[in-house]
């Protein structure tokens, strides 16, 4: 039977492995390890663990929150700018005249889409660990391990502590609350 000190060392080794793995999965070493999804006009749900981006009303000034995930219907359209580097405007799928916007305090809200495309608070970058092709033809998970950042500031989108808290931008640090997956709807 192993001694108690040997068991203690084994336990420490196991704890070290368990805590090291998630950190390695969230760190992006080079841009060659990432992709920017081409959503091809498909509506998507954006999830983090068991929570999903959403709004309680489709109106100007409404907080973007992360309530419990349902994945039954798509909530947002990530419209590409069509120019390298790839950038996005995130539109509300129910009212495409509304876009996800960063408030001056860093929280996210819906606001009227700037038709000129010059509104910096509505410009977003998306980098993922894996992206599917032909996304508009798929159902289910189409991109995962994604950071969504405000293009002008480079700050990462992060979910709030509570389901009703407005999401916000913060320095990117690889934590789970800044890691998102994209899903196309299971219902058409």
N, C-alpha and C. Protein backbone atom coordinates (compact mmCIF):
# COMPACT_ATOMS: atom_id res chain seq x y z
N UNK A 1 0.85 -1.18 0.00
CA UNK A 1 0.00 0.00 0.00
C UNK A 1 0.89 1.24 0.00
N UNK A 2 0.59 2.22 -0.85
CA UNK A 2 1.41 3.44 -0.89
C UNK A 2 1.31 4.20 0.43
N UNK A 3 2.40 4.88 0.76
CA UNK A 3 2.41 5.67 1.98
C UNK A 3 1.50 6.87 1.84
N UNK A 4 1.16 7.49 2.97
CA UNK A 4 0.28 8.66 2.92
C UNK A 4 0.97 9.82 2.20
N UNK A 5 2.29 9.93 2.30
CA UNK A 5 2.98 11.01 1.58
C UNK A 5 2.94 10.77 0.07
N UNK A 6 3.01 9.50 -0.36
CA UNK A 6 2.90 9.20 -1.79
C UNK A 6 1.50 9.53 -2.29
N UNK A 7 0.48 9.19 -1.51
CA UNK A 7 -0.90 9.52 -1.89
C UNK A 7 -1.08 11.03 -1.99
N UNK A 8 -0.49 11.78 -1.07
CA UNK A 8 -0.58 13.23 -1.09
C UNK A 8 0.04 13.78 -2.37
N UNK A 9 1.20 13.24 -2.77
CA UNK A 9 1.86 13.69 -4.00
C UNK A 9 1.01 13.35 -5.21
N UNK A 10 0.42 12.14 -5.24
CA UNK A 10 -0.48 11.78 -6.34
C UNK A 10 -1.67 12.73 -6.40
N UNK A 11 -2.23 13.06 -5.25
CA UNK A 11 -3.39 13.96 -5.20
C UNK A 11 -3.01 15.34 -5.73
N UNK A 12 -1.86 15.84 -5.31
CA UNK A 12 -1.41 17.14 -5.81
C UNK A 12 -1.19 17.10 -7.32
N UNK A 13 -0.62 16.01 -7.82
CA UNK A 13 -0.42 15.88 -9.26
C UNK A 13 -1.73 15.89 -10.01
N UNK A 14 -2.71 15.16 -9.50
CA UNK A 14 -4.03 15.11 -10.15
C UNK A 14 -4.68 16.48 -10.15
N UNK A 15 -4.61 17.20 -9.03
CA UNK A 15 -5.19 18.54 -8.96
C UNK A 15 -4.49 19.47 -9.95
N UNK A 16 -3.17 19.36 -10.05
CA UNK A 16 -2.42 20.19 -10.99
C UNK A 16 -2.82 19.93 -12.42
N UNK A 17 -3.05 18.67 -12.78
CA UNK A 17 -3.48 18.34 -14.14
C UNK A 17 -4.87 18.87 -14.42
N UNK A 18 -5.76 18.72 -13.47
CA UNK A 18 -7.14 19.17 -13.66
C UNK A 18 -7.20 20.68 -13.83
N UNK A 19 -6.43 21.41 -13.05
CA UNK A 19 -6.50 22.86 -13.16
C UNK A 19 -5.71 23.38 -14.35
N UNK A 20 -4.72 22.63 -14.84
CA UNK A 20 -3.92 23.10 -15.96
C UNK A 20 -4.64 22.96 -17.29
N UNK A 21 -5.43 21.92 -17.45
CA UNK A 21 -6.07 21.66 -18.74
C UNK A 21 -6.99 22.79 -19.19
N UNK A 22 -7.93 23.30 -18.35
CA UNK A 22 -8.79 24.38 -18.83
C UNK A 22 -8.01 25.63 -19.23
N UNK A 23 -6.94 25.94 -18.54
CA UNK A 23 -6.18 27.12 -18.89
C UNK A 23 -5.57 26.97 -20.28
N UNK A 24 -5.07 25.77 -20.61
CA UNK A 24 -4.47 25.56 -21.91
C UNK A 24 -5.50 25.66 -23.02
N UNK A 25 -6.73 25.23 -22.78
CA UNK A 25 -7.75 25.26 -23.80
C UNK A 25 -8.20 26.68 -24.14
N UNK A 26 -8.10 27.59 -23.20
CA UNK A 26 -8.61 28.94 -23.43
C UNK A 26 -7.55 29.92 -23.94
N UNK A 27 -6.29 29.54 -23.92
CA UNK A 27 -5.24 30.47 -24.33
C UNK A 27 -4.98 30.32 -25.82
N UNK A 28 -4.98 31.42 -26.53
CA UNK A 28 -4.69 31.40 -27.97
C UNK A 28 -3.23 31.78 -28.15
N UNK A 29 -2.46 30.85 -28.73
CA UNK A 29 -1.02 31.07 -28.86
C UNK A 29 -0.67 31.93 -30.07
N UNK A 30 -1.30 31.66 -31.20
CA UNK A 30 -1.03 32.45 -32.41
C UNK A 30 -2.33 32.62 -33.17
N UNK A 31 -2.36 33.60 -34.06
CA UNK A 31 -3.57 33.80 -34.85
C UNK A 31 -3.81 32.66 -35.82
N UNK A 32 -2.78 31.85 -36.14
CA UNK A 32 -2.98 30.72 -37.04
C UNK A 32 -3.83 29.64 -36.40
N UNK A 33 -3.99 29.68 -35.08
CA UNK A 33 -4.80 28.69 -34.37
C UNK A 33 -6.26 29.13 -34.27
N UNK A 34 -6.63 30.22 -34.91
CA UNK A 34 -7.98 30.75 -34.76
C UNK A 34 -8.64 30.94 -36.12
N UNK A 35 -9.95 31.11 -36.08
CA UNK A 35 -10.72 31.38 -37.30
C UNK A 35 -11.79 32.42 -36.97
N UNK A 36 -12.24 33.11 -37.99
CA UNK A 36 -13.38 34.02 -37.88
C UNK A 36 -14.51 33.41 -38.70
N UNK A 37 -15.62 33.03 -38.06
CA UNK A 37 -16.67 32.31 -38.78
C UNK A 37 -17.35 33.16 -39.86
N UNK A 38 -17.71 32.49 -40.95
CA UNK A 38 -18.55 33.09 -41.98
C UNK A 38 -19.95 32.53 -41.76
N UNK A 39 -20.81 33.32 -41.16
CA UNK A 39 -22.15 32.84 -40.80
C UNK A 39 -23.10 32.76 -41.99
N UNK A 40 -22.70 33.29 -43.13
CA UNK A 40 -23.48 33.18 -44.36
C UNK A 40 -24.93 33.64 -44.18
N UNK A 41 -25.14 34.63 -43.33
CA UNK A 41 -26.49 35.16 -43.11
C UNK A 41 -27.34 34.35 -42.16
N UNK A 42 -26.80 33.26 -41.62
CA UNK A 42 -27.58 32.41 -40.71
C UNK A 42 -27.74 33.09 -39.35
N UNK A 43 -28.92 32.96 -38.77
CA UNK A 43 -29.13 33.41 -37.41
C UNK A 43 -28.46 32.44 -36.46
N UNK A 44 -27.95 32.95 -35.34
CA UNK A 44 -27.24 32.10 -34.39
C UNK A 44 -27.66 32.40 -32.96
N UNK A 45 -27.44 31.41 -32.11
CA UNK A 45 -27.49 31.58 -30.67
C UNK A 45 -26.04 31.62 -30.20
N UNK A 46 -25.76 32.46 -29.21
CA UNK A 46 -24.42 32.58 -28.66
C UNK A 46 -24.50 32.11 -27.21
N UNK A 47 -23.72 31.07 -26.88
CA UNK A 47 -23.80 30.49 -25.54
C UNK A 47 -22.48 30.57 -24.81
N UNK A 48 -22.60 30.50 -23.49
CA UNK A 48 -21.46 30.39 -22.59
C UNK A 48 -21.89 29.39 -21.52
N UNK A 49 -21.26 28.23 -21.48
CA UNK A 49 -21.66 27.17 -20.56
C UNK A 49 -23.15 26.91 -20.74
N UNK A 50 -23.96 27.13 -19.72
CA UNK A 50 -25.40 26.86 -19.83
C UNK A 50 -26.21 28.13 -20.06
N UNK A 51 -25.55 29.23 -20.38
CA UNK A 51 -26.26 30.50 -20.58
C UNK A 51 -26.13 30.97 -22.01
N UNK A 52 -27.13 31.73 -22.45
CA UNK A 52 -27.22 32.15 -23.84
C UNK A 52 -27.50 33.65 -23.91
N UNK A 53 -26.84 34.34 -24.86
CA UNK A 53 -27.11 35.76 -25.05
C UNK A 53 -28.60 35.95 -25.33
N UNK A 54 -29.15 37.04 -24.80
CA UNK A 54 -30.55 37.34 -25.08
C UNK A 54 -30.93 38.73 -24.63
N UNK A 55 -32.16 39.10 -24.95
CA UNK A 55 -32.75 40.36 -24.50
C UNK A 55 -34.17 40.05 -24.06
N UNK A 56 -34.67 40.81 -23.09
CA UNK A 56 -36.05 40.57 -22.64
C UNK A 56 -37.06 41.30 -23.52
N UNK A 57 -36.61 42.34 -24.23
CA UNK A 57 -37.48 43.06 -25.18
C UNK A 57 -36.60 43.50 -26.34
N UNK A 58 -37.18 43.57 -27.50
CA UNK A 58 -36.44 43.95 -28.71
C UNK A 58 -36.64 45.45 -28.94
N UNK A 59 -35.92 46.26 -28.13
CA UNK A 59 -36.12 47.71 -28.14
C UNK A 59 -34.80 48.42 -27.87
N UNK A 60 -34.71 49.66 -28.34
CA UNK A 60 -33.54 50.50 -28.09
C UNK A 60 -33.34 50.64 -26.58
N UNK A 61 -32.09 50.50 -26.14
CA UNK A 61 -31.76 50.65 -24.73
C UNK A 61 -31.88 49.38 -23.91
N UNK A 62 -32.35 48.30 -24.50
CA UNK A 62 -32.51 47.03 -23.78
C UNK A 62 -31.15 46.40 -23.52
N UNK A 63 -30.92 45.96 -22.26
CA UNK A 63 -29.67 45.27 -21.92
C UNK A 63 -29.55 43.96 -22.67
N UNK A 64 -28.33 43.62 -23.08
CA UNK A 64 -28.03 42.28 -23.58
C UNK A 64 -27.57 41.49 -22.37
N UNK A 65 -28.26 40.40 -22.07
CA UNK A 65 -27.99 39.59 -20.88
C UNK A 65 -27.66 38.16 -21.30
N UNK A 66 -27.46 37.29 -20.33
CA UNK A 66 -27.17 35.88 -20.61
C UNK A 66 -28.02 35.00 -19.70
N UNK A 67 -29.31 34.86 -20.02
CA UNK A 67 -30.17 33.97 -19.22
C UNK A 67 -29.87 32.50 -19.54
N UNK A 68 -30.60 31.59 -18.91
CA UNK A 68 -30.42 30.16 -19.14
C UNK A 68 -30.64 29.85 -20.62
N UNK A 69 -29.83 28.97 -21.15
CA UNK A 69 -29.84 28.65 -22.58
C UNK A 69 -31.01 27.76 -22.97
N UNK A 70 -31.58 28.04 -24.16
CA UNK A 70 -32.63 27.17 -24.69
C UNK A 70 -32.25 26.62 -26.06
N UNK A 71 -31.53 27.38 -26.87
CA UNK A 71 -31.09 26.99 -28.21
C UNK A 71 -32.22 26.62 -29.15
N UNK A 72 -33.44 26.93 -28.81
CA UNK A 72 -34.57 26.56 -29.66
C UNK A 72 -34.67 27.46 -30.89
N UNK A 73 -34.36 28.72 -30.73
CA UNK A 73 -34.42 29.64 -31.86
C UNK A 73 -33.16 30.50 -31.87
N UNK A 74 -32.82 31.00 -33.03
CA UNK A 74 -31.67 31.89 -33.15
C UNK A 74 -32.04 33.28 -32.65
N UNK A 75 -31.05 33.97 -32.07
CA UNK A 75 -31.30 35.28 -31.46
C UNK A 75 -30.62 36.44 -32.17
N UNK A 76 -29.49 36.18 -32.85
CA UNK A 76 -28.69 37.26 -33.42
C UNK A 76 -28.20 36.91 -34.82
N UNK A 77 -27.93 37.96 -35.58
CA UNK A 77 -27.29 37.86 -36.89
C UNK A 77 -25.93 38.54 -36.78
N UNK A 78 -24.86 37.83 -37.08
CA UNK A 78 -23.52 38.40 -37.10
C UNK A 78 -23.21 38.75 -38.54
N UNK A 79 -23.43 40.02 -38.90
CA UNK A 79 -23.27 40.49 -40.27
C UNK A 79 -21.82 40.90 -40.50
N UNK A 80 -21.15 40.23 -41.44
CA UNK A 80 -19.76 40.54 -41.73
C UNK A 80 -19.63 41.85 -42.50
N UNK A 81 -18.50 42.53 -42.28
CA UNK A 81 -18.26 43.79 -42.97
C UNK A 81 -17.78 43.59 -44.40
N UNK A 82 -17.37 42.39 -44.78
CA UNK A 82 -16.96 42.11 -46.15
C UNK A 82 -15.56 42.55 -46.50
N UNK A 83 -14.79 43.00 -45.51
CA UNK A 83 -13.43 43.46 -45.77
C UNK A 83 -12.48 42.82 -44.78
N UNK A 84 -11.24 42.53 -45.23
CA UNK A 84 -10.25 42.05 -44.25
C UNK A 84 -9.72 43.23 -43.44
N UNK A 85 -9.43 43.09 -42.17
CA UNK A 85 -9.77 41.91 -41.38
C UNK A 85 -11.29 41.82 -41.18
N UNK A 86 -11.76 40.60 -41.02
CA UNK A 86 -13.20 40.36 -40.87
C UNK A 86 -13.70 41.03 -39.60
N UNK A 87 -14.77 41.79 -39.73
CA UNK A 87 -15.45 42.41 -38.60
C UNK A 87 -16.94 42.16 -38.72
N UNK A 88 -17.67 42.44 -37.66
CA UNK A 88 -19.09 42.12 -37.63
C UNK A 88 -19.90 43.25 -37.01
N UNK A 89 -21.16 43.34 -37.43
CA UNK A 89 -22.21 44.06 -36.72
C UNK A 89 -23.13 42.97 -36.20
N UNK A 90 -23.48 43.03 -34.92
CA UNK A 90 -24.34 42.00 -34.32
C UNK A 90 -25.75 42.56 -34.25
N UNK A 91 -26.64 42.01 -35.08
CA UNK A 91 -28.02 42.49 -35.16
C UNK A 91 -28.97 41.57 -34.40
N UNK A 92 -30.02 42.17 -33.86
CA UNK A 92 -31.10 41.41 -33.23
C UNK A 92 -31.88 40.72 -34.34
N UNK A 93 -32.11 39.42 -34.23
CA UNK A 93 -32.78 38.70 -35.32
C UNK A 93 -34.26 39.06 -35.41
N UNK A 94 -34.89 39.40 -34.29
CA UNK A 94 -36.31 39.77 -34.29
C UNK A 94 -36.51 41.15 -34.90
N UNK A 95 -35.59 42.08 -34.62
CA UNK A 95 -35.64 43.43 -35.17
C UNK A 95 -34.25 43.78 -35.71
N UNK A 96 -33.96 43.44 -36.98
CA UNK A 96 -32.62 43.67 -37.54
C UNK A 96 -32.21 45.14 -37.64
N UNK A 97 -33.11 46.06 -37.29
CA UNK A 97 -32.74 47.48 -37.23
C UNK A 97 -32.06 47.82 -35.91
N UNK A 98 -31.91 46.83 -35.03
CA UNK A 98 -31.22 47.02 -33.75
C UNK A 98 -29.92 46.24 -33.75
N UNK A 99 -28.89 46.84 -33.16
CA UNK A 99 -27.57 46.19 -33.09
C UNK A 99 -27.05 46.21 -31.66
N UNK A 100 -26.24 45.21 -31.33
CA UNK A 100 -25.56 45.18 -30.04
C UNK A 100 -24.52 46.29 -30.04
N UNK A 101 -24.58 47.12 -29.01
CA UNK A 101 -23.77 48.33 -28.91
C UNK A 101 -23.12 48.39 -27.53
N UNK A 102 -21.90 48.93 -27.46
CA UNK A 102 -21.23 49.13 -26.17
C UNK A 102 -21.60 50.51 -25.65
N UNK A 103 -22.15 50.55 -24.44
CA UNK A 103 -22.42 51.84 -23.77
C UNK A 103 -21.09 52.43 -23.27
N UNK A 104 -21.09 53.72 -22.92
CA UNK A 104 -19.87 54.33 -22.37
C UNK A 104 -19.34 53.62 -21.12
N UNK A 105 -20.23 52.98 -20.33
CA UNK A 105 -19.78 52.28 -19.12
C UNK A 105 -19.30 50.85 -19.42
N UNK A 106 -19.32 50.44 -20.71
CA UNK A 106 -18.83 49.12 -21.09
C UNK A 106 -19.88 48.03 -21.14
N UNK A 107 -21.11 48.32 -20.70
CA UNK A 107 -22.17 47.31 -20.77
C UNK A 107 -22.75 47.27 -22.19
N UNK A 108 -23.44 46.17 -22.50
CA UNK A 108 -23.99 45.99 -23.84
C UNK A 108 -25.48 46.24 -23.85
N UNK A 109 -25.94 46.89 -24.92
CA UNK A 109 -27.36 47.19 -25.10
C UNK A 109 -27.71 47.08 -26.58
N UNK A 110 -29.01 47.10 -26.86
CA UNK A 110 -29.48 47.22 -28.24
C UNK A 110 -29.65 48.70 -28.56
N UNK A 111 -29.22 49.09 -29.76
CA UNK A 111 -29.41 50.46 -30.23
C UNK A 111 -29.69 50.40 -31.73
N UNK A 112 -30.17 51.49 -32.28
CA UNK A 112 -30.47 51.55 -33.71
C UNK A 112 -29.19 51.32 -34.51
N UNK A 113 -29.28 50.46 -35.53
CA UNK A 113 -28.13 50.17 -36.39
C UNK A 113 -27.69 51.44 -37.09
N UNK A 114 -26.38 51.69 -37.09
CA UNK A 114 -25.82 52.80 -37.85
C UNK A 114 -25.64 52.33 -39.29
N UNK A 115 -26.48 52.83 -40.20
CA UNK A 115 -26.48 52.39 -41.60
C UNK A 115 -25.16 52.70 -42.31
N UNK A 116 -24.43 53.71 -41.85
CA UNK A 116 -23.16 54.07 -42.50
C UNK A 116 -22.06 53.06 -42.18
N UNK A 117 -22.23 52.30 -41.10
CA UNK A 117 -21.20 51.35 -40.69
C UNK A 117 -20.02 51.98 -39.99
N UNK A 118 -20.14 53.27 -39.65
CA UNK A 118 -19.04 53.98 -39.02
C UNK A 118 -19.11 54.02 -37.49
N UNK A 119 -20.21 53.58 -36.91
CA UNK A 119 -20.38 53.65 -35.45
C UNK A 119 -19.46 52.63 -34.78
N UNK A 120 -18.42 53.13 -34.14
CA UNK A 120 -17.41 52.26 -33.53
C UNK A 120 -17.98 51.36 -32.43
N UNK A 121 -18.99 51.82 -31.73
CA UNK A 121 -19.56 51.03 -30.63
C UNK A 121 -20.35 49.82 -31.12
N UNK A 122 -20.53 49.71 -32.45
CA UNK A 122 -21.25 48.58 -33.04
C UNK A 122 -20.33 47.68 -33.86
N UNK A 123 -19.02 47.83 -33.72
CA UNK A 123 -18.06 47.01 -34.48
C UNK A 123 -17.46 45.94 -33.58
N UNK A 124 -17.48 44.70 -34.08
CA UNK A 124 -17.05 43.55 -33.28
C UNK A 124 -16.11 42.65 -34.07
N UNK A 125 -15.21 42.00 -33.36
CA UNK A 125 -14.35 40.96 -33.93
C UNK A 125 -14.70 39.64 -33.25
N UNK A 126 -14.57 38.54 -33.98
CA UNK A 126 -14.84 37.21 -33.44
C UNK A 126 -13.68 36.30 -33.84
N UNK A 127 -13.01 35.71 -32.86
CA UNK A 127 -11.97 34.72 -33.11
C UNK A 127 -12.34 33.45 -32.36
N UNK A 128 -12.31 32.32 -33.07
CA UNK A 128 -12.72 31.04 -32.50
C UNK A 128 -11.62 30.00 -32.64
N UNK A 129 -11.70 28.97 -31.81
CA UNK A 129 -10.79 27.84 -31.92
C UNK A 129 -11.16 26.95 -33.10
N UNK A 130 -12.46 26.88 -33.43
CA UNK A 130 -12.91 26.04 -34.54
C UNK A 130 -14.16 26.66 -35.17
N UNK A 131 -14.20 26.65 -36.51
CA UNK A 131 -15.34 27.19 -37.26
C UNK A 131 -15.77 26.18 -38.32
N UNK A 132 -17.05 25.93 -38.42
CA UNK A 132 -17.58 25.08 -39.49
C UNK A 132 -17.65 25.88 -40.78
N UNK A 133 -17.75 25.16 -41.90
CA UNK A 133 -18.02 25.79 -43.19
C UNK A 133 -19.47 25.49 -43.54
N UNK A 134 -20.01 26.21 -44.50
CA UNK A 134 -21.41 26.04 -44.91
C UNK A 134 -22.37 26.17 -43.72
N UNK A 135 -22.12 27.15 -42.88
CA UNK A 135 -22.88 27.32 -41.64
C UNK A 135 -24.38 27.46 -41.89
N UNK A 136 -24.76 28.13 -42.96
CA UNK A 136 -26.19 28.34 -43.21
C UNK A 136 -26.92 27.02 -43.50
N UNK A 137 -26.19 25.96 -43.81
CA UNK A 137 -26.79 24.65 -44.10
C UNK A 137 -26.79 23.72 -42.90
N UNK A 138 -26.23 24.15 -41.78
CA UNK A 138 -26.05 23.27 -40.62
C UNK A 138 -27.04 23.56 -39.51
N UNK A 139 -27.23 22.58 -38.63
CA UNK A 139 -27.99 22.74 -37.39
C UNK A 139 -27.09 22.28 -36.25
N UNK A 140 -27.03 23.08 -35.20
CA UNK A 140 -26.21 22.72 -34.04
C UNK A 140 -25.01 23.63 -33.88
N UNK A 141 -23.97 23.12 -33.21
CA UNK A 141 -22.77 23.90 -32.90
C UNK A 141 -21.96 24.14 -34.17
N UNK A 142 -21.73 25.42 -34.51
CA UNK A 142 -21.03 25.75 -35.75
C UNK A 142 -19.70 26.47 -35.54
N UNK A 143 -19.44 26.95 -34.33
CA UNK A 143 -18.16 27.56 -33.99
C UNK A 143 -18.02 27.50 -32.47
N UNK A 144 -16.82 27.19 -31.99
CA UNK A 144 -16.67 27.13 -30.54
C UNK A 144 -15.32 27.66 -30.10
N UNK A 145 -15.25 27.93 -28.78
CA UNK A 145 -14.05 28.50 -28.21
C UNK A 145 -13.79 29.91 -28.71
N UNK A 146 -14.83 30.73 -28.75
CA UNK A 146 -14.74 32.05 -29.39
C UNK A 146 -14.62 33.19 -28.38
N UNK A 147 -13.79 34.16 -28.72
CA UNK A 147 -13.76 35.45 -28.03
C UNK A 147 -14.43 36.45 -28.94
N UNK A 148 -15.33 37.25 -28.38
CA UNK A 148 -15.99 38.33 -29.11
C UNK A 148 -15.48 39.62 -28.50
N UNK A 149 -14.85 40.45 -29.33
CA UNK A 149 -14.23 41.67 -28.81
C UNK A 149 -14.78 42.90 -29.51
N UNK A 150 -14.83 43.98 -28.75
CA UNK A 150 -15.17 45.28 -29.31
C UNK A 150 -14.00 45.69 -30.20
N UNK A 151 -14.27 45.90 -31.49
CA UNK A 151 -13.18 46.17 -32.45
C UNK A 151 -12.32 47.37 -32.06
N UNK A 152 -12.91 48.50 -31.67
CA UNK A 152 -12.02 49.63 -31.38
C UNK A 152 -11.20 49.47 -30.10
N UNK A 153 -11.76 48.82 -29.08
CA UNK A 153 -11.05 48.75 -27.79
C UNK A 153 -10.27 47.46 -27.62
N UNK A 154 -10.66 46.38 -28.31
CA UNK A 154 -10.02 45.08 -28.11
C UNK A 154 -10.46 44.39 -26.84
N UNK A 155 -11.44 44.97 -26.12
CA UNK A 155 -11.93 44.35 -24.89
C UNK A 155 -12.89 43.21 -25.21
N UNK A 156 -12.84 42.16 -24.40
CA UNK A 156 -13.68 40.98 -24.61
C UNK A 156 -15.06 41.15 -24.00
N UNK A 157 -16.05 40.58 -24.69
CA UNK A 157 -17.40 40.50 -24.12
C UNK A 157 -17.36 39.47 -23.00
N UNK A 158 -18.05 39.79 -21.90
CA UNK A 158 -18.08 38.90 -20.73
C UNK A 158 -19.50 38.86 -20.19
N UNK A 159 -19.93 37.67 -19.74
CA UNK A 159 -21.25 37.57 -19.14
C UNK A 159 -21.19 38.08 -17.71
N UNK A 160 -22.33 38.59 -17.23
CA UNK A 160 -22.42 39.06 -15.86
C UNK A 160 -22.55 37.91 -14.88
N UNK A 161 -22.43 38.21 -13.61
CA UNK A 161 -22.51 37.18 -12.57
C UNK A 161 -23.90 36.56 -12.49
N UNK A 162 -24.92 37.36 -12.73
CA UNK A 162 -26.30 36.89 -12.66
C UNK A 162 -26.91 36.89 -14.05
N UNK A 163 -27.94 36.07 -14.25
CA UNK A 163 -28.60 35.95 -15.55
C UNK A 163 -29.20 37.27 -16.03
N UNK A 164 -29.59 38.13 -15.12
CA UNK A 164 -30.23 39.40 -15.50
C UNK A 164 -29.24 40.56 -15.63
N UNK A 165 -27.96 40.33 -15.29
CA UNK A 165 -26.95 41.38 -15.41
C UNK A 165 -26.65 41.66 -16.88
N UNK A 166 -26.48 42.93 -17.20
CA UNK A 166 -26.05 43.29 -18.56
C UNK A 166 -24.66 42.72 -18.81
N UNK A 167 -24.47 42.17 -20.00
CA UNK A 167 -23.14 41.72 -20.37
C UNK A 167 -22.27 42.97 -20.53
N UNK A 168 -20.95 42.79 -20.51
CA UNK A 168 -20.06 43.95 -20.54
C UNK A 168 -18.74 43.59 -21.21
N UNK A 169 -17.93 44.61 -21.49
CA UNK A 169 -16.59 44.39 -22.03
C UNK A 169 -15.57 44.55 -20.91
N UNK A 170 -14.52 43.73 -20.99
CA UNK A 170 -13.47 43.73 -19.97
C UNK A 170 -12.17 43.26 -20.63
N UNK A 171 -11.03 43.53 -19.99
CA UNK A 171 -9.77 43.03 -20.56
C UNK A 171 -9.84 41.51 -20.77
N UNK A 172 -9.36 41.06 -21.90
CA UNK A 172 -9.38 39.63 -22.23
C UNK A 172 -8.37 38.89 -21.35
N UNK A 173 -8.84 37.84 -20.68
CA UNK A 173 -7.93 37.09 -19.81
C UNK A 173 -8.13 35.58 -19.89
N UNK A 174 -8.88 35.10 -20.88
CA UNK A 174 -9.02 33.67 -21.08
C UNK A 174 -9.99 32.96 -20.16
N UNK A 175 -10.71 33.70 -19.32
CA UNK A 175 -11.63 33.03 -18.40
C UNK A 175 -12.88 32.55 -19.12
N UNK A 176 -13.56 31.57 -18.53
CA UNK A 176 -14.72 30.95 -19.15
C UNK A 176 -15.83 31.95 -19.45
N UNK A 177 -15.99 32.97 -18.63
CA UNK A 177 -17.07 33.94 -18.85
C UNK A 177 -16.85 34.80 -20.09
N UNK A 178 -15.70 34.65 -20.76
CA UNK A 178 -15.42 35.35 -22.01
C UNK A 178 -15.32 34.39 -23.19
N UNK A 179 -15.70 33.15 -22.98
CA UNK A 179 -15.57 32.09 -23.98
C UNK A 179 -16.96 31.70 -24.47
N UNK A 180 -17.19 31.77 -25.79
CA UNK A 180 -18.53 31.56 -26.34
C UNK A 180 -18.53 30.53 -27.46
N UNK A 181 -19.70 29.92 -27.66
CA UNK A 181 -19.95 29.00 -28.76
C UNK A 181 -21.12 29.54 -29.57
N UNK A 182 -21.14 29.22 -30.86
CA UNK A 182 -22.23 29.63 -31.75
C UNK A 182 -23.00 28.41 -32.20
N UNK A 183 -24.33 28.56 -32.22
CA UNK A 183 -25.23 27.48 -32.61
C UNK A 183 -26.25 28.01 -33.61
N UNK A 184 -26.55 27.20 -34.60
CA UNK A 184 -27.70 27.50 -35.45
C UNK A 184 -28.89 26.79 -34.83
N UNK A 185 -30.08 27.29 -35.11
CA UNK A 185 -31.29 26.80 -34.45
C UNK A 185 -31.57 25.35 -34.78
N UNK A 186 -32.12 24.65 -33.79
CA UNK A 186 -32.54 23.27 -33.99
C UNK A 186 -33.91 23.22 -34.64
N UNK A 187 -34.64 24.33 -34.59
CA UNK A 187 -35.95 24.42 -35.25
C UNK A 187 -35.81 25.39 -36.42
N UNK A 188 -36.46 25.07 -37.53
CA UNK A 188 -36.39 26.00 -38.65
C UNK A 188 -37.63 26.84 -38.75
